[in-house]
Amino acid sequence: MEWIKCSDKMPTVLPVDDDYSCSGKLLCIVGGDYLILRYQTSDKEGGWEVWYCDEYEDVVENVTHWMPLPEPPKE
């Protein structure tokens, strides 16, 4: 997998309901650190949200790169 620049392409979002769409979990670079985020859109605005144990909170800015998470190991 390769890093994707946000300036080149944003993640694909899928509809959740009539007003809200979001991507799945993504590995992102913010200020040189790694975070697991998702990209969400609502009313034609978009933003990054932090993943916390089955909940999304805290909008994050300055995301520079993203990539899909790798598949988890098989047991």
Protein backbone atom coordinates (compact mmCIF):
# COMPACT_ATOMS: atom_id res chain seq x y z
CA MET A 1 0.00 0.00 0.00
CA GLU A 2 1.12 3.51 -0.70
CA TRP A 3 0.42 6.80 1.04
CA ILE A 4 -2.06 9.06 -0.77
CA LYS A 5 -1.70 12.84 -0.51
CA CYS A 6 -4.91 14.56 0.54
CA SER A 7 -4.20 17.21 -2.09
CA ASP A 8 -4.27 14.45 -4.75
CA LYS A 9 -7.30 12.44 -3.63
CA MET A 10 -9.70 12.25 -0.70
CA PRO A 11 -11.12 8.96 0.56
CA THR A 12 -14.31 7.51 -0.88
CA VAL A 13 -17.30 8.03 1.39
CA LEU A 14 -20.43 5.88 1.47
CA PRO A 15 -23.90 7.09 2.48
CA VAL A 16 -24.98 6.34 6.04
CA ASP A 17 -28.25 8.27 5.84
CA ASP A 18 -29.69 11.15 3.81
CA ASP A 19 -27.41 13.78 5.38
CA TYR A 20 -24.27 11.88 6.30
CA SER A 21 -21.59 9.82 4.56
CA CYS A 22 -18.25 8.45 5.76
CA SER A 23 -15.25 6.35 4.84
CA GLY A 24 -14.04 3.35 6.75
CA LYS A 25 -11.09 3.51 9.14
CA LEU A 26 -7.90 4.88 7.55
CA LEU A 27 -4.31 5.26 8.66
CA CYS A 28 -3.44 8.97 8.44
CA ILE A 29 -0.48 11.29 8.94
CA VAL A 30 -1.12 14.40 11.05
CA GLY A 31 1.88 16.53 12.03
CA GLY A 32 4.25 13.62 11.45
CA ASP A 33 2.25 11.23 13.69
CA TYR A 34 0.06 8.28 12.77
CA LEU A 35 -3.65 8.32 13.66
CA ILE A 36 -6.57 6.08 12.77
CA LEU A 37 -9.26 8.37 11.38
CA ARG A 38 -12.24 8.32 9.11
CA TYR A 39 -13.33 10.99 6.66
CA GLN A 40 -16.94 12.10 6.98
CA THR A 41 -19.13 14.45 5.00
CA SER A 42 -22.32 16.15 6.08
CA ASP A 43 -24.19 18.93 4.29
CA LYS A 44 -21.40 19.13 1.68
CA GLU A 45 -18.69 19.75 4.28
CA GLY A 46 -16.00 17.25 5.09
CA GLY A 47 -13.77 16.54 8.03
CA TRP A 48 -11.52 13.98 9.67
CA GLU A 49 -12.60 12.26 12.90
CA VAL A 50 -10.44 10.34 15.38
CA TRP A 51 -11.23 6.66 16.03
CA TYR A 52 -11.56 5.77 19.75
CA CYS A 53 -12.64 2.20 20.58
CA ASP A 54 -15.78 2.00 18.44
CA GLU A 55 -16.54 5.74 18.62
CA TYR A 56 -15.49 8.72 16.54
CA GLU A 57 -14.74 12.04 18.23
CA ASP A 58 -12.56 15.10 17.86
CA VAL A 59 -12.34 16.63 14.42
CA VAL A 60 -8.73 16.69 13.22
CA GLU A 61 -7.23 19.18 10.80
CA ASN A 62 -3.93 19.21 8.90
CA VAL A 63 -4.15 15.61 7.70
CA THR A 64 -1.58 15.37 4.89
CA HIS A 65 -1.68 11.69 3.81
CA TRP A 66 -3.89 8.63 4.24
CA MET A 67 -4.05 4.96 3.27
CA PRO A 68 -6.44 2.07 3.90
CA LEU A 69 -5.66 -0.04 6.97
CA PRO A 70 -4.01 -3.36 6.18
CA GLU A 71 -5.99 -6.56 6.67
CA PRO A 72 -5.72 -7.89 10.24
CA PRO A 73 -3.71 -11.10 10.74
CA LYS A 74 -5.56 -14.35 10.30
CA GLU A 75 -5.55 -16.66 13.30
